[in-house]
Amino acid sequence: MADDWETRISAFWETVDLSDRDGAVNAMLALCAERAADDPAAAFELGGVHDSTGFEEEANRHYLRARALGLSGARLAQLNIQQGSTLRNLGQFDEAIAMLEATQADPSIGDARAVFLALALRDVGRHDEAIRLLIEALVPHLPRYRRSATDYARALTTPDVAS
């Protein structure tokens, strides 16, 4: 049953001990073995557990498979964040930036796109863009000073804007 499986996947992520790398991977492998071989959600979850336990190359392989199998919805948004972060960790900064820039908003990821994209931009020396992105992500959460923060952020990457 899909709903039962989803509940157990959620429970896995709430209780997993990621310091037991092999145990975490094996537990997820057992859960995903219940699904069809071509299930994009299972491929995504396998990518996630490998990612979370430091097996970046393996994670990327599963993420690529989930994408090829047609992953959609909230999991696709999450995949973009997770795979973008994995690519960054693998030193594939341009690919990470492109993926994160193309990521569409989804309630399941909130402002995560800004965080991970800012990290990748920083890694390639685009510090002002990274700071601007983070400030712009914070602006909606500020009770005051939104206009000033927006103007200061814009000034970081637009030379003719006075700060």
N, C-alpha and C. Protein backbone atom coordinates (compact mmCIF):
# COMPACT_ATOMS: atom_id res chain seq x y z
N MET A 1 0.83 -1.19 0.00
CA MET A 1 0.00 0.00 0.00
C MET A 1 0.88 1.25 0.00
N ALA A 2 0.55 2.16 -0.87
CA ALA A 2 1.34 3.39 -1.00
C ALA A 2 1.27 4.23 0.27
N ASP A 3 0.08 4.36 0.85
CA ASP A 3 -0.05 5.21 2.03
C ASP A 3 0.72 4.63 3.22
N ASP A 4 0.63 3.32 3.40
CA ASP A 4 1.37 2.67 4.48
C ASP A 4 2.88 2.84 4.25
N TRP A 5 3.31 2.70 3.03
CA TRP A 5 4.72 2.87 2.70
C TRP A 5 5.16 4.30 2.98
N GLU A 6 4.35 5.26 2.59
CA GLU A 6 4.66 6.67 2.84
C GLU A 6 4.77 6.94 4.34
N THR A 7 3.89 6.36 5.11
CA THR A 7 3.93 6.53 6.57
C THR A 7 5.22 5.95 7.13
N ARG A 8 5.61 4.78 6.64
CA ARG A 8 6.84 4.16 7.12
C ARG A 8 8.08 4.91 6.65
N ILE A 9 8.02 5.52 5.47
CA ILE A 9 9.14 6.36 5.01
C ILE A 9 9.27 7.58 5.93
N SER A 10 8.16 8.20 6.24
CA SER A 10 8.19 9.35 7.17
C SER A 10 8.73 8.94 8.53
N ALA A 11 8.30 7.79 9.02
CA ALA A 11 8.78 7.30 10.31
C ALA A 11 10.28 7.01 10.25
N PHE A 12 10.73 6.47 9.13
CA PHE A 12 12.16 6.22 8.96
C PHE A 12 12.95 7.50 9.15
N TRP A 13 12.54 8.56 8.42
CA TRP A 13 13.29 9.82 8.48
C TRP A 13 13.21 10.48 9.86
N GLU A 14 12.15 10.23 10.59
CA GLU A 14 12.02 10.80 11.94
C GLU A 14 12.88 10.07 12.96
N THR A 15 13.19 8.80 12.71
CA THR A 15 13.86 7.99 13.73
C THR A 15 15.24 7.47 13.33
N VAL A 16 15.62 7.63 12.10
CA VAL A 16 16.87 7.01 11.61
C VAL A 16 18.10 7.54 12.35
N ASP A 17 19.01 6.64 12.63
CA ASP A 17 20.30 6.99 13.22
C ASP A 17 21.30 7.06 12.07
N LEU A 18 21.58 8.26 11.61
CA LEU A 18 22.45 8.43 10.44
C LEU A 18 23.91 8.15 10.77
N SER A 19 24.25 8.05 12.05
CA SER A 19 25.62 7.69 12.39
C SER A 19 25.88 6.22 12.11
N ASP A 20 24.82 5.42 12.04
CA ASP A 20 24.91 4.02 11.64
C ASP A 20 24.64 3.98 10.14
N ARG A 21 25.66 4.35 9.40
CA ARG A 21 25.51 4.53 7.95
C ARG A 21 24.98 3.28 7.26
N ASP A 22 25.61 2.16 7.51
CA ASP A 22 25.18 0.92 6.85
C ASP A 22 23.79 0.50 7.29
N GLY A 23 23.50 0.66 8.58
CA GLY A 23 22.17 0.31 9.08
C GLY A 23 21.09 1.16 8.45
N ALA A 24 21.36 2.46 8.31
CA ALA A 24 20.38 3.36 7.70
C ALA A 24 20.14 2.99 6.24
N VAL A 25 21.22 2.76 5.52
CA VAL A 25 21.09 2.40 4.10
C VAL A 25 20.34 1.07 3.97
N ASN A 26 20.69 0.09 4.78
CA ASN A 26 20.04 -1.22 4.68
C ASN A 26 18.55 -1.13 5.02
N ALA A 27 18.20 -0.32 6.01
CA ALA A 27 16.79 -0.15 6.36
C ALA A 27 16.01 0.47 5.20
N MET A 28 16.62 1.47 4.55
CA MET A 28 15.93 2.09 3.41
C MET A 28 15.87 1.12 2.23
N LEU A 29 16.93 0.37 2.01
CA LEU A 29 16.91 -0.63 0.94
C LEU A 29 15.75 -1.61 1.14
N ALA A 30 15.52 -2.02 2.38
CA ALA A 30 14.42 -2.94 2.67
C ALA A 30 13.06 -2.28 2.37
N LEU A 31 12.91 -1.03 2.76
CA LEU A 31 11.65 -0.33 2.46
C LEU A 31 11.44 -0.18 0.95
N CYS A 32 12.48 0.16 0.25
CA CYS A 32 12.36 0.40 -1.20
C CYS A 32 12.20 -0.89 -1.98
N ALA A 33 12.64 -2.00 -1.42
CA ALA A 33 12.47 -3.30 -2.08
C ALA A 33 10.99 -3.68 -2.18
N GLU A 34 10.15 -3.04 -1.39
CA GLU A 34 8.71 -3.28 -1.44
C GLU A 34 8.06 -2.66 -2.68
N ARG A 35 8.76 -1.77 -3.31
CA ARG A 35 8.20 -1.02 -4.44
C ARG A 35 8.66 -1.63 -5.76
N ALA A 36 7.99 -1.24 -6.83
CA ALA A 36 8.40 -1.70 -8.16
C ALA A 36 9.80 -1.17 -8.47
N ALA A 37 10.52 -1.89 -9.30
CA ALA A 37 11.89 -1.51 -9.65
C ALA A 37 11.96 -0.15 -10.32
N ASP A 38 10.87 0.26 -10.95
CA ASP A 38 10.87 1.54 -11.66
C ASP A 38 10.11 2.63 -10.91
N ASP A 39 10.02 2.52 -9.60
CA ASP A 39 9.31 3.50 -8.79
C ASP A 39 10.21 4.71 -8.53
N PRO A 40 9.86 5.89 -9.04
CA PRO A 40 10.72 7.06 -8.86
C PRO A 40 10.84 7.50 -7.39
N ALA A 41 9.78 7.32 -6.60
CA ALA A 41 9.84 7.70 -5.20
C ALA A 41 10.85 6.85 -4.45
N ALA A 42 10.90 5.56 -4.75
CA ALA A 42 11.86 4.67 -4.09
C ALA A 42 13.29 5.07 -4.49
N ALA A 43 13.51 5.37 -5.75
CA ALA A 43 14.84 5.80 -6.19
C ALA A 43 15.23 7.09 -5.47
N PHE A 44 14.29 8.00 -5.34
CA PHE A 44 14.55 9.26 -4.63
C PHE A 44 14.93 8.99 -3.16
N GLU A 45 14.17 8.15 -2.49
CA GLU A 45 14.44 7.86 -1.09
C GLU A 45 15.79 7.16 -0.92
N LEU A 46 16.15 6.30 -1.85
CA LEU A 46 17.47 5.68 -1.81
C LEU A 46 18.56 6.73 -1.98
N GLY A 47 18.33 7.68 -2.87
CA GLY A 47 19.27 8.78 -3.02
C GLY A 47 19.40 9.56 -1.73
N GLY A 48 18.28 9.82 -1.09
CA GLY A 48 18.28 10.59 0.15
C GLY A 48 19.06 9.93 1.26
N VAL A 49 18.90 8.64 1.43
CA VAL A 49 19.62 7.97 2.52
C VAL A 49 21.11 7.90 2.22
N HIS A 50 21.46 7.70 0.95
CA HIS A 50 22.88 7.70 0.61
C HIS A 50 23.48 9.10 0.80
N ASP A 51 22.72 10.10 0.43
CA ASP A 51 23.14 11.48 0.60
C ASP A 51 23.35 11.79 2.09
N SER A 52 22.39 11.43 2.90
CA SER A 52 22.42 11.73 4.32
C SER A 52 23.51 10.98 5.08
N THR A 53 24.00 9.90 4.50
CA THR A 53 25.03 9.11 5.16
C THR A 53 26.40 9.31 4.52
N GLY A 54 26.50 10.28 3.62
CA GLY A 54 27.80 10.64 3.07
C GLY A 54 28.24 9.87 1.84
N PHE A 55 27.36 9.09 1.26
CA PHE A 55 27.69 8.35 0.04
C PHE A 55 27.21 9.15 -1.17
N GLU A 56 27.91 10.24 -1.46
CA GLU A 56 27.46 11.23 -2.44
C GLU A 56 27.35 10.66 -3.86
N GLU A 57 28.35 9.93 -4.30
CA GLU A 57 28.31 9.37 -5.67
C GLU A 57 27.10 8.46 -5.84
N GLU A 58 26.88 7.60 -4.86
CA GLU A 58 25.74 6.68 -4.90
C GLU A 58 24.43 7.47 -4.86
N ALA A 59 24.39 8.50 -4.02
CA ALA A 59 23.18 9.34 -3.94
C ALA A 59 22.87 9.94 -5.30
N ASN A 60 23.88 10.48 -5.96
CA ASN A 60 23.66 11.12 -7.25
C ASN A 60 23.14 10.12 -8.27
N ARG A 61 23.65 8.90 -8.22
CA ARG A 61 23.17 7.86 -9.15
C ARG A 61 21.67 7.62 -8.95
N HIS A 62 21.25 7.52 -7.69
CA HIS A 62 19.82 7.30 -7.41
C HIS A 62 18.99 8.53 -7.78
N TYR A 63 19.52 9.71 -7.54
CA TYR A 63 18.79 10.93 -7.91
C TYR A 63 18.59 10.99 -9.42
N LEU A 64 19.62 10.66 -10.16
CA LEU A 64 19.50 10.66 -11.63
C LEU A 64 18.44 9.66 -12.07
N ARG A 65 18.41 8.51 -11.43
CA ARG A 65 17.42 7.48 -11.77
C ARG A 65 16.01 7.97 -11.43
N ALA A 66 15.83 8.58 -10.27
CA ALA A 66 14.51 9.09 -9.89
C ALA A 66 14.02 10.12 -10.90
N ARG A 67 14.92 10.97 -11.32
CA ARG A 67 14.57 12.00 -12.31
C ARG A 67 14.18 11.34 -13.63
N ALA A 68 14.97 10.36 -14.07
CA ALA A 68 14.70 9.67 -15.34
C ALA A 68 13.38 8.89 -15.29
N LEU A 69 13.01 8.42 -14.11
CA LEU A 69 11.76 7.67 -13.96
C LEU A 69 10.55 8.58 -13.86
N GLY A 70 10.76 9.89 -13.84
CA GLY A 70 9.64 10.83 -13.87
C GLY A 70 9.15 11.31 -12.51
N LEU A 71 10.03 11.40 -11.55
CA LEU A 71 9.64 11.92 -10.24
C LEU A 71 8.96 13.28 -10.42
N SER A 72 7.92 13.53 -9.63
CA SER A 72 7.19 14.79 -9.78
C SER A 72 6.72 15.30 -8.41
N GLY A 73 6.09 16.44 -8.43
CA GLY A 73 5.50 17.01 -7.23
C GLY A 73 6.53 17.47 -6.22
N ALA A 74 6.15 17.38 -4.95
CA ALA A 74 7.02 17.84 -3.87
C ALA A 74 8.35 17.10 -3.86
N ARG A 75 8.31 15.82 -4.16
CA ARG A 75 9.57 15.07 -4.17
C ARG A 75 10.52 15.59 -5.24
N LEU A 76 10.01 16.04 -6.36
CA LEU A 76 10.88 16.60 -7.39
C LEU A 76 11.54 17.88 -6.89
N ALA A 77 10.79 18.72 -6.22
CA ALA A 77 11.36 19.94 -5.64
C ALA A 77 12.44 19.58 -4.63
N GLN A 78 12.17 18.58 -3.81
CA GLN A 78 13.15 18.14 -2.83
C GLN A 78 14.37 17.52 -3.51
N LEU A 79 14.12 16.77 -4.57
CA LEU A 79 15.23 16.18 -5.33
C LEU A 79 16.16 17.26 -5.86
N ASN A 80 15.59 18.33 -6.37
CA ASN A 80 16.42 19.42 -6.91
C ASN A 80 17.33 20.01 -5.83
N ILE A 81 16.80 20.18 -4.63
CA ILE A 81 17.60 20.70 -3.53
C ILE A 81 18.68 19.69 -3.15
N GLN A 82 18.26 18.47 -2.93
CA GLN A 82 19.19 17.44 -2.47
C GLN A 82 20.25 17.13 -3.51
N GLN A 83 19.85 16.98 -4.77
CA GLN A 83 20.84 16.67 -5.80
C GLN A 83 21.73 17.88 -6.05
N GLY A 84 21.17 19.08 -6.00
CA GLY A 84 22.00 20.27 -6.14
C GLY A 84 23.06 20.34 -5.06
N SER A 85 22.68 20.00 -3.83
CA SER A 85 23.63 19.97 -2.74
C SER A 85 24.68 18.87 -2.94
N THR A 86 24.23 17.73 -3.41
CA THR A 86 25.16 16.62 -3.68
C THR A 86 26.16 17.01 -4.76
N LEU A 87 25.68 17.62 -5.83
CA LEU A 87 26.59 18.05 -6.90
C LEU A 87 27.61 19.04 -6.37
N ARG A 88 27.17 19.93 -5.52
CA ARG A 88 28.09 20.89 -4.88
C ARG A 88 29.14 20.14 -4.08
N ASN A 89 28.71 19.17 -3.29
CA ASN A 89 29.65 18.39 -2.48
C ASN A 89 30.62 17.58 -3.35
N LEU A 90 30.21 17.24 -4.55
CA LEU A 90 31.07 16.51 -5.48
C LEU A 90 31.97 17.45 -6.28
N GLY A 91 31.84 18.76 -6.03
CA GLY A 91 32.67 19.74 -6.74
C GLY A 91 32.14 20.12 -8.11
N GLN A 92 30.91 19.74 -8.41
CA GLN A 92 30.29 20.07 -9.69
C GLN A 92 29.44 21.33 -9.51
N PHE A 93 30.15 22.44 -9.28
CA PHE A 93 29.50 23.68 -8.88
C PHE A 93 28.59 24.27 -9.96
N ASP A 94 29.03 24.28 -11.20
CA ASP A 94 28.20 24.85 -12.26
C ASP A 94 26.89 24.07 -12.42
N GLU A 95 26.98 22.75 -12.35
CA GLU A 95 25.79 21.91 -12.45
C GLU A 95 24.86 22.16 -11.26
N ALA A 96 25.45 22.28 -10.09
CA ALA A 96 24.64 22.54 -8.89
C ALA A 96 23.92 23.87 -9.01
N ILE A 97 24.64 24.90 -9.43
CA ILE A 97 24.04 26.22 -9.57
C ILE A 97 22.91 26.19 -10.59
N ALA A 98 23.14 25.57 -11.73
CA ALA A 98 22.10 25.50 -12.77
C ALA A 98 20.86 24.79 -12.25
N MET A 99 21.05 23.68 -11.55
CA MET A 99 19.91 22.92 -11.03
C MET A 99 19.15 23.74 -9.99
N LEU A 100 19.87 24.36 -9.08
CA LEU A 100 19.21 25.13 -8.03
C LEU A 100 18.54 26.38 -8.57
N GLU A 101 19.15 27.03 -9.55
CA GLU A 101 18.51 28.20 -10.15
C GLU A 101 17.21 27.83 -10.85
N ALA A 102 17.15 26.62 -11.41
CA ALA A 102 15.96 26.18 -12.14
C ALA A 102 14.88 25.60 -11.22
N THR A 103 15.18 25.43 -9.95
CA THR A 103 14.23 24.83 -9.02
C THR A 103 13.03 25.74 -8.80
N GLN A 104 11.86 25.16 -8.98
CA GLN A 104 10.61 25.90 -8.80
C GLN A 104 10.22 25.90 -7.32
N ALA A 105 9.53 26.94 -6.92
CA ALA A 105 9.04 27.05 -5.54
C ALA A 105 8.09 25.90 -5.24
N ASP A 106 8.16 25.42 -4.02
CA ASP A 106 7.24 24.38 -3.55
C ASP A 106 7.18 24.49 -2.03
N PRO A 107 6.00 24.37 -1.44
CA PRO A 107 5.90 24.48 0.02
C PRO A 107 6.80 23.50 0.76
N SER A 108 7.12 22.37 0.15
CA SER A 108 7.91 21.36 0.84
C SER A 108 9.38 21.76 1.01
N ILE A 109 9.82 22.79 0.28
CA ILE A 109 11.22 23.20 0.39
C ILE A 109 11.38 24.60 0.97
N GLY A 110 10.32 25.34 1.10
CA GLY A 110 10.41 26.68 1.66
C GLY A 110 11.52 27.49 1.01
N ASP A 111 12.40 28.07 1.82
CA ASP A 111 13.50 28.88 1.32
C ASP A 111 14.80 28.08 1.15
N ALA A 112 14.70 26.77 1.12
CA ALA A 112 15.90 25.93 0.99
C ALA A 112 16.66 26.21 -0.29
N ARG A 113 15.95 26.55 -1.36
CA ARG A 113 16.63 26.86 -2.62
C ARG A 113 17.63 27.98 -2.43
N ALA A 114 17.22 29.03 -1.73
CA ALA A 114 18.12 30.17 -1.50
C ALA A 114 19.34 29.76 -0.70
N VAL A 115 19.15 28.94 0.31
CA VAL A 115 20.27 28.51 1.16
C VAL A 115 21.30 27.73 0.35
N PHE A 116 20.84 26.71 -0.36
CA PHE A 116 21.78 25.84 -1.07
C PHE A 116 22.37 26.51 -2.30
N LEU A 117 21.59 27.36 -2.95
CA LEU A 117 22.14 28.12 -4.08
C LEU A 117 23.18 29.11 -3.58
N ALA A 118 22.92 29.75 -2.46
CA ALA A 118 23.90 30.69 -1.90
C ALA A 118 25.21 29.99 -1.57
N LEU A 119 25.13 28.80 -1.02
CA LEU A 119 26.35 28.04 -0.72
C LEU A 119 27.14 27.75 -2.00
N ALA A 120 26.45 27.33 -3.04
CA ALA A 120 27.12 27.03 -4.31
C ALA A 120 27.71 28.29 -4.94
N LEU A 121 26.98 29.39 -4.89
CA LEU A 121 27.50 30.65 -5.41
C LEU A 121 28.75 31.08 -4.65
N ARG A 122 28.73 30.92 -3.35
CA ARG A 122 29.90 31.24 -2.53
C ARG A 122 31.10 30.40 -2.95
N ASP A 123 30.86 29.13 -3.21
CA ASP A 123 31.94 28.22 -3.59
C ASP A 123 32.65 28.63 -4.87
N VAL A 124 31.94 29.33 -5.75
CA VAL A 124 32.56 29.76 -7.01
C VAL A 124 32.96 31.24 -6.96
N GLY A 125 32.96 31.82 -5.76
CA GLY A 125 33.43 33.18 -5.60
C GLY A 125 32.41 34.27 -5.89
N ARG A 126 31.15 33.92 -6.00
CA ARG A 126 30.10 34.89 -6.28
C ARG A 126 29.43 35.30 -4.96
N HIS A 127 30.25 35.88 -4.08
CA HIS A 127 29.83 36.17 -2.71
C HIS A 127 28.68 37.17 -2.62
N ASP A 128 28.76 38.25 -3.39
CA ASP A 128 27.70 39.26 -3.32
C ASP A 128 26.36 38.69 -3.78
N GLU A 129 26.38 37.86 -4.80
CA GLU A 129 25.14 37.22 -5.26
C GLU A 129 24.58 36.31 -4.17
N ALA A 130 25.48 35.59 -3.49
CA ALA A 130 25.04 34.69 -2.42
C ALA A 130 24.39 35.47 -1.29
N ILE A 131 25.03 36.55 -0.87
CA ILE A 131 24.46 37.36 0.22
C ILE A 131 23.13 37.97 -0.21
N ARG A 132 23.08 38.48 -1.43
CA ARG A 132 21.83 39.08 -1.91
C ARG A 132 20.70 38.05 -1.88
N LEU A 133 20.98 36.86 -2.34
CA LEU A 133 19.96 35.81 -2.37
C LEU A 133 19.44 35.50 -0.97
N LEU A 134 20.34 35.42 -0.01
CA LEU A 134 19.91 35.13 1.36
C LEU A 134 19.13 36.28 1.97
N ILE A 135 19.57 37.51 1.73
CA ILE A 135 18.82 38.66 2.24
C ILE A 135 17.42 38.68 1.64
N GLU A 136 17.33 38.46 0.34
CA GLU A 136 16.01 38.48 -0.32
C GLU A 136 15.11 37.36 0.21
N ALA A 137 15.70 36.24 0.60
CA ALA A 137 14.89 35.16 1.18
C ALA A 137 14.39 35.54 2.57
N LEU A 138 15.18 36.34 3.28
CA LEU A 138 14.79 36.75 4.63
C LEU A 138 13.79 37.89 4.65
N VAL A 139 13.81 38.74 3.64
CA VAL A 139 12.96 39.94 3.64
C VAL A 139 11.50 39.65 3.99
N PRO A 140 10.85 38.66 3.41
CA PRO A 140 9.44 38.43 3.76
C PRO A 140 9.20 38.08 5.23
N HIS A 141 10.24 37.68 5.91
CA HIS A 141 10.11 37.28 7.31
C HIS A 141 10.42 38.43 8.28
N LEU A 142 10.83 39.57 7.76
CA LEU A 142 11.16 40.71 8.61
C LEU A 142 9.89 41.48 9.00
N PRO A 143 9.74 41.80 10.26
CA PRO A 143 8.58 42.59 10.66
C PRO A 143 8.71 44.06 10.26
N ARG A 144 9.94 44.53 10.07
CA ARG A 144 10.22 45.91 9.67
C ARG A 144 11.45 45.89 8.77
N TYR A 145 11.73 47.00 8.16
CA TYR A 145 12.96 47.24 7.38
C TYR A 145 13.01 46.45 6.06
N ARG A 146 11.88 46.02 5.58
CA ARG A 146 11.86 45.25 4.33
C ARG A 146 12.39 46.06 3.16
N ARG A 147 11.96 47.30 3.04
CA ARG A 147 12.40 48.13 1.91
C ARG A 147 13.90 48.38 1.97
N SER A 148 14.41 48.70 3.14
CA SER A 148 15.85 48.93 3.28
C SER A 148 16.64 47.67 2.96
N ALA A 149 16.21 46.54 3.51
CA ALA A 149 16.92 45.28 3.26
C ALA A 149 16.90 44.94 1.77
N THR A 150 15.76 45.16 1.11
CA THR A 150 15.64 44.89 -0.32
C THR A 150 16.59 45.79 -1.11
N ASP A 151 16.63 47.05 -0.75
CA ASP A 151 17.52 47.99 -1.45
C ASP A 151 18.99 47.64 -1.24
N TYR A 152 19.36 47.31 -0.02
CA TYR A 152 20.75 46.92 0.26
C TYR A 152 21.11 45.64 -0.50
N ALA A 153 20.21 44.71 -0.55
CA ALA A 153 20.47 43.46 -1.27
C ALA A 153 20.69 43.75 -2.76
N ARG A 154 19.82 44.55 -3.32
CA ARG A 154 19.93 44.89 -4.75
C ARG A 154 21.25 45.59 -5.03
N ALA A 155 21.68 46.45 -4.13
CA ALA A 155 22.92 47.20 -4.33
C ALA A 155 24.16 46.30 -4.37
N LEU A 156 24.05 45.12 -3.78
CA LEU A 156 25.19 44.21 -3.79
C LEU A 156 25.59 43.77 -5.19
N THR A 157 24.60 43.66 -6.07
CA THR A 157 24.89 43.13 -7.41
C THR A 157 24.52 44.08 -8.53
N THR A 158 24.00 45.25 -8.18
CA THR A 158 23.63 46.24 -9.18
C THR A 158 24.41 47.52 -8.87
N PRO A 159 25.50 47.76 -9.57
CA PRO A 159 26.40 48.87 -9.23
C PRO A 159 25.79 50.24 -9.16
N ASP A 160 24.76 50.51 -9.95
CA ASP A 160 24.22 51.88 -10.00
C ASP A 160 23.13 52.12 -8.95
N VAL A 161 22.87 51.14 -8.09
CA VAL A 161 21.87 51.32 -7.04
C VAL A 161 22.58 51.83 -5.79
N ALA A 162 22.11 52.95 -5.28
CA ALA A 162 22.71 53.54 -4.08
C ALA A 162 22.26 52.75 -2.86
N SER A 163 23.17 52.53 -1.93
CA SER A 163 22.80 51.78 -0.72
C SER A 163 22.58 52.68 0.42
